[in-house]
C-alpha cells in the first residue's frame, strides 16, 4: 500500500515537473483524448445505424413476448457479456467509477488510521501491542514498518502538495 502510494506520488511529481506533458502527443497542448474523439464521432454514426438495424429486427421478436433463441442472442450481441475495457482510462479526473461512489471512508487515510490505531493500542494496552508486533519477526521488516509509520505525515504532506500543484496546473491548462 505504501509503496504504491510512493510510486504514484513519484509519477505525479514527474508529471508536474514536465509541466503536465507526458508524451510528444501531449506537447501540442491538446489532450490525448482529443485525437480519438473525432474517430469516436465517426464510429458513433456507424454504430447508430447498426443499432437501428438491430432494433428493427429485434423489436418485432420482443413484441411477441417469446424468448430469444441462442442464435438470436448472439446475433444481437446479447449472448456474451464480454465488455471490452481495453480502451477505458485508469483514471478520469473528476469522473470514472470513483465518481459513482461517495463514502465517509474515502476521507480516511489508511496509513494515518493504522499509525494512530497502533499508537493508541501501544499506549492503552502495551501487552497487546507487544503481542501484535511479535508477528513482525524479521528485523528488516520491523524497521521498514516503523519507518513507514514515522514517515506517514511526510508522505501525506507531499501528496497534498503535489495534488494542489496538479490542480493548479490543470486549471491553468483549462482542463478543469
N, C-alpha and C. Protein backbone atom coordinates (compact mmCIF):
# COMPACT_ATOMS: atom_id res chain seq x y z
N UNK A 1 0.83 -1.18 0.00
CA UNK A 1 0.00 0.00 0.00
C UNK A 1 0.88 1.25 0.00
N UNK A 2 1.83 1.28 0.89
CA UNK A 2 2.70 2.46 0.98
C UNK A 2 3.56 2.59 -0.25
N UNK A 3 4.07 1.46 -0.77
CA UNK A 3 4.95 1.54 -1.95
C UNK A 3 4.15 1.98 -3.18
N UNK A 4 2.89 1.55 -3.29
CA UNK A 4 2.05 2.00 -4.41
C UNK A 4 1.84 3.51 -4.32
N UNK A 5 1.61 3.99 -3.12
CA UNK A 5 1.42 5.43 -2.94
C UNK A 5 2.70 6.19 -3.27
N UNK A 6 3.84 5.62 -2.89
CA UNK A 6 5.13 6.25 -3.20
C UNK A 6 5.32 6.31 -4.72
N UNK A 7 4.99 5.21 -5.41
CA UNK A 7 5.13 5.18 -6.87
C UNK A 7 4.22 6.20 -7.54
N UNK A 8 2.99 6.26 -7.09
CA UNK A 8 2.03 7.22 -7.65
C UNK A 8 2.50 8.65 -7.39
N UNK A 9 2.98 8.89 -6.20
CA UNK A 9 3.48 10.21 -5.84
C UNK A 9 4.66 10.59 -6.73
N UNK A 10 5.58 9.66 -6.93
CA UNK A 10 6.74 9.93 -7.79
C UNK A 10 6.28 10.24 -9.22
N UNK A 11 5.34 9.44 -9.74
CA UNK A 11 4.82 9.68 -11.10
C UNK A 11 4.17 11.06 -11.20
N UNK A 12 3.39 11.42 -10.19
CA UNK A 12 2.72 12.73 -10.21
C UNK A 12 3.72 13.88 -10.13
N UNK A 13 4.75 13.71 -9.32
CA UNK A 13 5.77 14.76 -9.22
C UNK A 13 6.52 14.92 -10.54
N UNK A 14 6.81 13.80 -11.21
CA UNK A 14 7.47 13.87 -12.52
C UNK A 14 6.55 14.51 -13.56
N UNK A 15 5.28 14.17 -13.50
CA UNK A 15 4.29 14.75 -14.42
C UNK A 15 4.23 16.26 -14.24
N UNK A 16 4.22 16.71 -13.00
CA UNK A 16 4.18 18.14 -12.71
C UNK A 16 5.46 18.83 -13.17
N UNK A 17 6.60 18.16 -12.91
CA UNK A 17 7.89 18.73 -13.31
C UNK A 17 7.98 18.93 -14.82
N UNK A 18 7.29 18.10 -15.58
CA UNK A 18 7.27 18.22 -17.04
C UNK A 18 6.18 19.19 -17.50
N UNK A 19 5.56 19.88 -16.57
CA UNK A 19 4.52 20.84 -16.93
C UNK A 19 3.23 20.19 -17.35
N UNK A 20 2.99 18.97 -16.89
CA UNK A 20 1.76 18.27 -17.22
C UNK A 20 1.79 17.57 -18.56
N UNK A 21 2.96 17.54 -19.20
CA UNK A 21 3.09 16.91 -20.52
C UNK A 21 3.71 15.53 -20.32
N UNK A 22 3.03 14.51 -20.82
CA UNK A 22 3.53 13.15 -20.68
C UNK A 22 4.27 12.65 -21.91
N UNK A 23 3.80 13.03 -23.08
CA UNK A 23 4.39 12.49 -24.29
C UNK A 23 4.39 13.55 -25.37
N UNK A 24 5.00 13.21 -26.48
CA UNK A 24 5.07 14.15 -27.61
C UNK A 24 3.68 14.52 -28.09
N UNK A 25 2.74 13.61 -28.03
CA UNK A 25 1.38 13.90 -28.49
C UNK A 25 0.69 14.90 -27.58
N UNK A 26 1.12 15.00 -26.32
CA UNK A 26 0.53 15.96 -25.40
C UNK A 26 1.17 17.33 -25.52
N UNK A 27 2.32 17.44 -26.15
CA UNK A 27 3.06 18.70 -26.16
C UNK A 27 2.38 19.80 -26.95
N UNK A 28 1.40 19.44 -27.78
CA UNK A 28 0.70 20.48 -28.54
C UNK A 28 -0.34 21.19 -27.70
N UNK A 29 -0.43 20.82 -26.43
CA UNK A 29 -1.38 21.47 -25.54
C UNK A 29 -2.73 20.78 -25.54
N UNK A 30 -2.93 19.88 -26.46
CA UNK A 30 -4.19 19.17 -26.52
C UNK A 30 -4.18 17.95 -25.64
N UNK A 31 -5.34 17.47 -25.37
CA UNK A 31 -5.49 16.27 -24.57
C UNK A 31 -5.35 15.07 -25.49
N UNK A 32 -4.73 14.01 -25.01
CA UNK A 32 -4.57 12.81 -25.82
C UNK A 32 -5.91 12.27 -26.26
N UNK A 33 -6.94 12.51 -25.48
CA UNK A 33 -8.26 12.02 -25.84
C UNK A 33 -8.83 12.80 -27.01
N UNK A 34 -8.40 14.05 -27.21
CA UNK A 34 -8.91 14.86 -28.31
C UNK A 34 -8.66 14.17 -29.64
N UNK A 35 -7.53 13.49 -29.77
CA UNK A 35 -7.19 12.84 -31.02
C UNK A 35 -8.16 11.71 -31.33
N UNK A 36 -8.65 11.03 -30.32
CA UNK A 36 -9.55 9.92 -30.52
C UNK A 36 -11.00 10.36 -30.67
N UNK A 37 -11.32 11.57 -30.27
CA UNK A 37 -12.71 11.99 -30.23
C UNK A 37 -13.34 12.02 -31.61
N UNK A 38 -12.62 12.50 -32.61
CA UNK A 38 -13.15 12.52 -33.96
C UNK A 38 -13.48 11.14 -34.47
N UNK A 39 -12.60 10.18 -34.16
CA UNK A 39 -12.86 8.80 -34.56
C UNK A 39 -14.11 8.27 -33.88
N UNK A 40 -14.31 8.65 -32.61
CA UNK A 40 -15.50 8.21 -31.90
C UNK A 40 -16.75 8.77 -32.55
N UNK A 41 -16.69 10.01 -33.01
CA UNK A 41 -17.85 10.59 -33.68
C UNK A 41 -18.17 9.86 -34.97
N UNK A 42 -17.14 9.57 -35.75
CA UNK A 42 -17.35 8.82 -36.99
C UNK A 42 -17.93 7.45 -36.69
N UNK A 43 -17.37 6.79 -35.69
CA UNK A 43 -17.85 5.46 -35.33
C UNK A 43 -19.26 5.53 -34.76
N UNK A 44 -19.60 6.62 -34.08
CA UNK A 44 -20.91 6.70 -33.45
C UNK A 44 -22.01 6.71 -34.51
N UNK A 45 -21.79 7.33 -35.67
CA UNK A 45 -22.78 7.31 -36.75
C UNK A 45 -22.98 5.88 -37.27
N UNK A 46 -21.88 5.19 -37.43
CA UNK A 46 -21.96 3.80 -37.90
C UNK A 46 -22.64 2.93 -36.85
N UNK A 47 -22.28 3.14 -35.59
CA UNK A 47 -22.88 2.37 -34.52
C UNK A 47 -24.38 2.65 -34.43
N UNK A 48 -24.77 3.89 -34.62
CA UNK A 48 -26.18 4.27 -34.57
C UNK A 48 -26.97 3.53 -35.65
N UNK A 49 -26.43 3.52 -36.85
CA UNK A 49 -27.10 2.83 -37.96
C UNK A 49 -27.21 1.33 -37.68
N UNK A 50 -26.14 0.76 -37.14
CA UNK A 50 -26.15 -0.67 -36.81
C UNK A 50 -27.17 -0.96 -35.72
N UNK A 51 -27.23 -0.10 -34.70
CA UNK A 51 -28.21 -0.29 -33.64
C UNK A 51 -29.63 -0.20 -34.17
N UNK A 52 -29.87 0.76 -35.06
CA UNK A 52 -31.21 0.90 -35.64
C UNK A 52 -31.59 -0.35 -36.43
N UNK A 53 -30.63 -0.90 -37.17
CA UNK A 53 -30.89 -2.12 -37.94
C UNK A 53 -31.23 -3.28 -36.99
N UNK A 54 -30.44 -3.41 -35.92
CA UNK A 54 -30.69 -4.49 -34.96
C UNK A 54 -32.02 -4.30 -34.25
N UNK A 55 -32.36 -3.07 -33.86
CA UNK A 55 -33.62 -2.82 -33.18
C UNK A 55 -34.81 -3.10 -34.10
N UNK A 56 -34.65 -2.80 -35.38
CA UNK A 56 -35.72 -3.08 -36.34
C UNK A 56 -35.99 -4.59 -36.42
N UNK A 57 -34.93 -5.38 -36.32
CA UNK A 57 -35.09 -6.84 -36.34
C UNK A 57 -35.53 -7.38 -34.98
N UNK A 58 -35.03 -6.77 -33.92
CA UNK A 58 -35.28 -7.25 -32.57
C UNK A 58 -36.67 -6.87 -32.07
N UNK A 59 -37.14 -5.68 -32.43
CA UNK A 59 -38.43 -5.18 -31.93
C UNK A 59 -39.59 -6.12 -32.16
N UNK A 60 -39.81 -6.55 -33.40
CA UNK A 60 -40.94 -7.45 -33.64
C UNK A 60 -40.85 -8.75 -32.83
N UNK A 61 -39.65 -9.27 -32.67
CA UNK A 61 -39.47 -10.51 -31.91
C UNK A 61 -39.83 -10.28 -30.44
N UNK A 62 -39.38 -9.16 -29.88
CA UNK A 62 -39.65 -8.88 -28.47
C UNK A 62 -41.14 -8.60 -28.23
N UNK A 63 -41.79 -8.00 -29.20
CA UNK A 63 -43.21 -7.66 -29.01
C UNK A 63 -44.09 -8.90 -28.93
N UNK A 64 -43.59 -10.06 -29.39
CA UNK A 64 -44.36 -11.30 -29.29
C UNK A 64 -44.30 -11.87 -27.88
N UNK A 65 -43.33 -11.43 -27.10
CA UNK A 65 -43.20 -11.94 -25.74
C UNK A 65 -42.43 -13.24 -25.66
N UNK A 66 -41.97 -13.76 -26.79
CA UNK A 66 -41.24 -15.03 -26.80
C UNK A 66 -39.77 -14.77 -26.46
N UNK A 67 -39.15 -15.77 -25.86
CA UNK A 67 -37.72 -15.69 -25.56
C UNK A 67 -36.92 -15.75 -26.84
N UNK A 68 -35.78 -15.09 -26.81
CA UNK A 68 -34.87 -15.14 -27.95
C UNK A 68 -34.11 -16.46 -27.93
N UNK A 69 -33.83 -16.97 -29.10
CA UNK A 69 -33.02 -18.18 -29.20
C UNK A 69 -31.56 -17.82 -28.97
N UNK A 70 -30.74 -18.82 -28.77
CA UNK A 70 -29.31 -18.59 -28.57
C UNK A 70 -28.70 -17.92 -29.80
N UNK A 71 -29.15 -18.32 -30.98
CA UNK A 71 -28.63 -17.72 -32.22
C UNK A 71 -29.02 -16.25 -32.30
N UNK A 72 -30.25 -15.93 -31.90
CA UNK A 72 -30.70 -14.53 -31.92
C UNK A 72 -29.95 -13.71 -30.87
N UNK A 73 -29.72 -14.31 -29.72
CA UNK A 73 -28.95 -13.62 -28.67
C UNK A 73 -27.57 -13.25 -29.20
N UNK A 74 -26.94 -14.20 -29.89
CA UNK A 74 -25.62 -13.95 -30.46
C UNK A 74 -25.69 -12.89 -31.55
N UNK A 75 -26.71 -12.98 -32.39
CA UNK A 75 -26.86 -12.03 -33.49
C UNK A 75 -27.01 -10.60 -32.98
N UNK A 76 -27.74 -10.44 -31.90
CA UNK A 76 -28.00 -9.11 -31.36
C UNK A 76 -26.95 -8.68 -30.33
N UNK A 77 -25.93 -9.52 -30.14
CA UNK A 77 -24.86 -9.17 -29.21
C UNK A 77 -25.28 -9.24 -27.76
N UNK A 78 -26.26 -10.10 -27.48
CA UNK A 78 -26.77 -10.22 -26.11
C UNK A 78 -26.29 -11.49 -25.43
N UNK A 79 -25.58 -12.34 -26.16
CA UNK A 79 -25.17 -13.63 -25.62
C UNK A 79 -24.06 -13.50 -24.59
N UNK A 80 -22.90 -13.09 -25.01
CA UNK A 80 -21.75 -12.96 -24.11
C UNK A 80 -21.75 -11.60 -23.47
N UNK A 81 -21.28 -11.57 -22.26
CA UNK A 81 -21.16 -10.29 -21.56
C UNK A 81 -19.69 -9.90 -21.53
N UNK A 82 -19.04 -9.96 -22.69
CA UNK A 82 -17.62 -9.62 -22.80
C UNK A 82 -17.47 -8.15 -23.14
N UNK A 83 -17.51 -7.31 -22.13
CA UNK A 83 -17.25 -5.89 -22.38
C UNK A 83 -15.77 -5.72 -22.59
N UNK A 84 -15.41 -4.99 -23.61
CA UNK A 84 -14.01 -4.72 -23.88
C UNK A 84 -13.62 -3.45 -23.13
N UNK A 85 -12.90 -3.63 -22.05
CA UNK A 85 -12.49 -2.49 -21.23
C UNK A 85 -11.10 -2.00 -21.57
N UNK A 86 -10.53 -2.48 -22.68
CA UNK A 86 -9.16 -2.09 -23.02
C UNK A 86 -9.03 -0.60 -23.25
N UNK A 87 -10.10 0.05 -23.71
CA UNK A 87 -9.99 1.47 -24.00
C UNK A 87 -10.37 2.36 -22.82
N UNK A 88 -10.72 1.75 -21.70
CA UNK A 88 -11.06 2.54 -20.53
C UNK A 88 -9.82 3.16 -19.93
N UNK A 89 -9.96 4.38 -19.47
CA UNK A 89 -8.84 5.05 -18.81
C UNK A 89 -8.71 4.51 -17.39
N UNK A 90 -7.50 4.47 -16.88
CA UNK A 90 -7.29 4.07 -15.50
C UNK A 90 -7.85 5.12 -14.55
N UNK A 91 -7.81 6.34 -14.98
CA UNK A 91 -8.27 7.42 -14.12
C UNK A 91 -8.84 8.53 -14.98
N UNK A 92 -9.99 9.01 -14.58
CA UNK A 92 -10.59 10.16 -15.24
C UNK A 92 -10.72 11.25 -14.18
N UNK A 93 -10.17 12.40 -14.46
CA UNK A 93 -10.20 13.49 -13.49
C UNK A 93 -11.65 13.87 -13.22
N UNK A 94 -12.08 13.71 -11.98
CA UNK A 94 -13.44 14.08 -11.61
C UNK A 94 -14.48 13.15 -12.20
N UNK A 95 -14.09 11.95 -12.60
CA UNK A 95 -15.06 11.05 -13.21
C UNK A 95 -14.67 9.62 -13.02
N UNK A 96 -15.18 8.79 -13.88
CA UNK A 96 -14.89 7.38 -13.80
C UNK A 96 -15.70 6.71 -12.70
N UNK A 97 -15.35 5.47 -12.42
CA UNK A 97 -16.09 4.70 -11.44
C UNK A 97 -16.05 5.32 -10.06
N UNK A 98 -14.94 5.99 -9.72
CA UNK A 98 -14.82 6.58 -8.39
C UNK A 98 -15.88 7.64 -8.13
N UNK A 99 -16.35 8.30 -9.18
CA UNK A 99 -17.35 9.35 -9.00
C UNK A 99 -18.72 8.76 -8.68
N UNK A 100 -18.89 7.47 -8.90
CA UNK A 100 -20.18 6.84 -8.63
C UNK A 100 -20.40 6.56 -7.16
N UNK A 101 -19.35 6.49 -6.41
CA UNK A 101 -19.45 6.08 -5.03
C UNK A 101 -18.82 7.13 -4.12
N UNK A 102 -19.61 7.62 -3.20
CA UNK A 102 -19.10 8.52 -2.18
C UNK A 102 -19.30 7.85 -0.84
N UNK A 103 -18.29 7.90 -0.04
CA UNK A 103 -18.35 7.26 1.26
C UNK A 103 -17.52 8.05 2.25
N UNK A 104 -17.93 8.02 3.50
CA UNK A 104 -17.16 8.68 4.54
C UNK A 104 -15.77 8.05 4.66
N UNK A 105 -15.66 6.80 4.28
CA UNK A 105 -14.37 6.10 4.36
C UNK A 105 -13.38 6.69 3.37
N UNK A 106 -13.87 7.32 2.30
CA UNK A 106 -12.98 7.92 1.31
C UNK A 106 -12.09 9.00 1.92
N UNK A 107 -12.56 9.61 2.98
CA UNK A 107 -11.82 10.70 3.61
C UNK A 107 -10.79 10.21 4.63
N UNK A 108 -10.74 8.91 4.87
CA UNK A 108 -9.82 8.35 5.85
C UNK A 108 -8.54 7.91 5.16
N UNK A 109 -7.43 8.40 5.64
CA UNK A 109 -6.14 7.96 5.12
C UNK A 109 -5.77 6.68 5.86
N UNK A 110 -5.64 5.59 5.10
CA UNK A 110 -5.43 4.29 5.73
C UNK A 110 -4.11 4.20 6.50
N UNK A 111 -3.06 4.85 6.02
CA UNK A 111 -1.79 4.81 6.75
C UNK A 111 -1.87 5.60 8.05
N UNK A 112 -2.51 6.77 8.02
CA UNK A 112 -2.67 7.54 9.25
C UNK A 112 -3.54 6.77 10.24
N UNK A 113 -4.60 6.16 9.74
CA UNK A 113 -5.50 5.39 10.60
C UNK A 113 -4.75 4.24 11.26
N UNK A 114 -3.96 3.51 10.46
CA UNK A 114 -3.18 2.40 11.01
C UNK A 114 -2.19 2.89 12.06
N UNK A 115 -1.46 3.97 11.73
CA UNK A 115 -0.48 4.51 12.67
C UNK A 115 -1.15 4.95 13.98
N UNK A 116 -2.26 5.67 13.86
CA UNK A 116 -2.94 6.17 15.05
C UNK A 116 -3.54 5.04 15.88
N UNK A 117 -4.07 4.03 15.21
CA UNK A 117 -4.65 2.89 15.93
C UNK A 117 -3.57 2.11 16.66
N UNK A 118 -2.47 1.86 15.99
CA UNK A 118 -1.38 1.13 16.64
C UNK A 118 -0.80 1.95 17.79
N UNK A 119 -0.69 3.26 17.60
CA UNK A 119 -0.21 4.12 18.68
C UNK A 119 -1.14 4.10 19.88
N UNK A 120 -2.45 4.09 19.63
CA UNK A 120 -3.43 4.03 20.71
C UNK A 120 -3.33 2.71 21.46
N UNK A 121 -3.19 1.61 20.73
CA UNK A 121 -3.02 0.31 21.37
C UNK A 121 -1.73 0.28 22.18
N UNK A 122 -0.68 0.88 21.65
CA UNK A 122 0.61 0.90 22.35
C UNK A 122 0.50 1.62 23.68
N UNK A 123 -0.23 2.74 23.72
CA UNK A 123 -0.33 3.49 24.97
C UNK A 123 -1.36 2.91 25.93
N UNK A 124 -2.46 2.36 25.40
CA UNK A 124 -3.53 1.88 26.28
C UNK A 124 -3.37 0.41 26.68
N UNK A 125 -2.71 -0.38 25.88
CA UNK A 125 -2.56 -1.80 26.18
C UNK A 125 -1.20 -2.29 25.67
N UNK A 126 -0.13 -1.93 26.38
CA UNK A 126 1.22 -2.27 25.93
C UNK A 126 1.44 -3.77 25.69
N UNK A 127 0.79 -4.61 26.49
CA UNK A 127 0.97 -6.06 26.31
C UNK A 127 0.40 -6.50 24.95
N UNK A 128 -0.77 -6.00 24.60
CA UNK A 128 -1.37 -6.35 23.32
C UNK A 128 -0.49 -5.83 22.17
N UNK A 129 0.04 -4.64 22.33
CA UNK A 129 0.93 -4.08 21.31
C UNK A 129 2.14 -4.98 21.11
N UNK A 130 2.73 -5.44 22.21
CA UNK A 130 3.90 -6.31 22.14
C UNK A 130 3.55 -7.61 21.40
N UNK A 131 2.40 -8.18 21.71
CA UNK A 131 1.98 -9.42 21.05
C UNK A 131 1.75 -9.16 19.56
N UNK A 132 1.12 -8.04 19.23
CA UNK A 132 0.89 -7.70 17.82
C UNK A 132 2.20 -7.57 17.05
N UNK A 133 3.13 -6.88 17.64
CA UNK A 133 4.38 -6.60 16.94
C UNK A 133 5.28 -7.84 16.86
N UNK A 134 5.01 -8.87 17.67
CA UNK A 134 5.77 -10.10 17.57
C UNK A 134 5.54 -10.80 16.23
N UNK A 135 4.45 -10.44 15.57
CA UNK A 135 4.15 -11.01 14.25
C UNK A 135 5.14 -10.56 13.19
N UNK A 136 5.79 -9.45 13.44
CA UNK A 136 6.81 -8.97 12.51
C UNK A 136 8.14 -9.51 13.03
N UNK A 137 8.55 -10.65 12.47
CA UNK A 137 9.68 -11.39 13.03
C UNK A 137 11.04 -10.96 12.48
N UNK A 138 11.07 -10.51 11.24
CA UNK A 138 12.35 -10.15 10.64
C UNK A 138 12.70 -8.71 10.99
N UNK A 139 13.94 -8.49 11.44
CA UNK A 139 14.34 -7.13 11.84
C UNK A 139 14.19 -6.10 10.72
N UNK A 140 14.49 -6.49 9.47
CA UNK A 140 14.37 -5.53 8.38
C UNK A 140 12.91 -5.17 8.11
N UNK A 141 12.01 -6.13 8.31
CA UNK A 141 10.59 -5.84 8.15
C UNK A 141 10.11 -4.89 9.25
N UNK A 142 10.59 -5.14 10.44
CA UNK A 142 10.20 -4.30 11.59
C UNK A 142 10.70 -2.87 11.39
N UNK A 143 11.94 -2.72 10.96
CA UNK A 143 12.48 -1.37 10.76
C UNK A 143 11.77 -0.67 9.60
N UNK A 144 11.42 -1.41 8.55
CA UNK A 144 10.70 -0.81 7.43
C UNK A 144 9.30 -0.37 7.89
N UNK A 145 8.63 -1.22 8.65
CA UNK A 145 7.30 -0.88 9.17
C UNK A 145 7.37 0.39 10.02
N UNK A 146 8.34 0.45 10.91
CA UNK A 146 8.49 1.63 11.78
C UNK A 146 8.81 2.88 10.96
N UNK A 147 9.63 2.73 9.93
CA UNK A 147 9.96 3.87 9.07
C UNK A 147 8.72 4.37 8.34
N UNK A 148 7.89 3.45 7.89
CA UNK A 148 6.65 3.84 7.21
C UNK A 148 5.75 4.60 8.17
N UNK A 149 5.60 4.08 9.38
CA UNK A 149 4.72 4.72 10.36
C UNK A 149 5.24 6.12 10.73
N UNK A 150 6.55 6.27 10.85
CA UNK A 150 7.14 7.57 11.17
C UNK A 150 6.99 8.53 9.98
N UNK A 151 7.05 7.99 8.76
CA UNK A 151 7.01 8.83 7.57
C UNK A 151 5.63 9.13 7.03
N UNK A 152 4.57 8.70 7.71
CA UNK A 152 3.21 8.91 7.20
C UNK A 152 2.90 10.38 6.98
N UNK A 153 3.22 11.23 7.95
CA UNK A 153 2.90 12.65 7.81
C UNK A 153 3.66 13.30 6.65
N UNK A 154 4.92 12.91 6.48
CA UNK A 154 5.70 13.46 5.37
C UNK A 154 5.11 13.01 4.03
N UNK A 155 4.71 11.75 3.94
CA UNK A 155 4.11 11.24 2.71
C UNK A 155 2.81 11.96 2.40
N UNK A 156 1.93 12.07 3.37
CA UNK A 156 0.63 12.72 3.12
C UNK A 156 0.82 14.20 2.81
N UNK A 157 1.82 14.82 3.40
CA UNK A 157 2.10 16.22 3.11
C UNK A 157 2.56 16.38 1.66
N UNK A 158 3.46 15.50 1.21
CA UNK A 158 3.91 15.54 -0.19
C UNK A 158 2.75 15.28 -1.15
N UNK A 159 1.89 14.32 -0.79
CA UNK A 159 0.73 14.01 -1.63
C UNK A 159 -0.19 15.22 -1.75
N UNK A 160 -0.46 15.88 -0.63
CA UNK A 160 -1.33 17.06 -0.65
C UNK A 160 -0.71 18.17 -1.48
N UNK A 161 0.60 18.35 -1.35
CA UNK A 161 1.30 19.39 -2.09
C UNK A 161 1.23 19.16 -3.60
N UNK A 162 1.51 17.93 -4.03
CA UNK A 162 1.51 17.66 -5.47
C UNK A 162 0.09 17.67 -6.02
N UNK A 163 -0.88 17.24 -5.21
CA UNK A 163 -2.28 17.29 -5.65
C UNK A 163 -2.69 18.73 -5.91
N UNK A 164 -2.32 19.63 -5.01
CA UNK A 164 -2.65 21.06 -5.19
C UNK A 164 -1.95 21.62 -6.42
N UNK A 165 -0.69 21.28 -6.60
CA UNK A 165 0.05 21.77 -7.77
C UNK A 165 -0.57 21.25 -9.07
N UNK A 166 -0.97 19.98 -9.09
CA UNK A 166 -1.56 19.42 -10.30
C UNK A 166 -2.92 20.05 -10.60
N UNK A 167 -3.69 20.35 -9.56
CA UNK A 167 -4.98 21.04 -9.76
C UNK A 167 -4.75 22.43 -10.35
N UNK A 168 -3.78 23.15 -9.81
CA UNK A 168 -3.47 24.48 -10.33
C UNK A 168 -3.00 24.40 -11.79
N UNK A 169 -2.17 23.41 -12.09
CA UNK A 169 -1.70 23.23 -13.46
C UNK A 169 -2.85 22.91 -14.39
N UNK A 170 -3.75 22.03 -13.95
CA UNK A 170 -4.91 21.66 -14.78
C UNK A 170 -5.81 22.87 -15.02
N UNK A 171 -5.98 23.71 -14.01
CA UNK A 171 -6.78 24.94 -14.19
C UNK A 171 -6.12 25.85 -15.21
N UNK A 172 -4.80 26.01 -15.07
CA UNK A 172 -4.06 26.88 -15.97
C UNK A 172 -4.15 26.38 -17.42
N UNK A 173 -4.17 25.06 -17.58
CA UNK A 173 -4.24 24.47 -18.91
C UNK A 173 -5.68 24.34 -19.41
N UNK A 174 -6.64 24.74 -18.57
CA UNK A 174 -8.04 24.69 -18.96
C UNK A 174 -8.66 23.31 -18.95
N UNK A 175 -8.07 22.40 -18.20
CA UNK A 175 -8.59 21.02 -18.15
C UNK A 175 -9.69 20.89 -17.10
N UNK A 176 -9.72 21.82 -16.15
CA UNK A 176 -10.82 21.79 -15.17
C UNK A 176 -11.36 23.19 -14.96
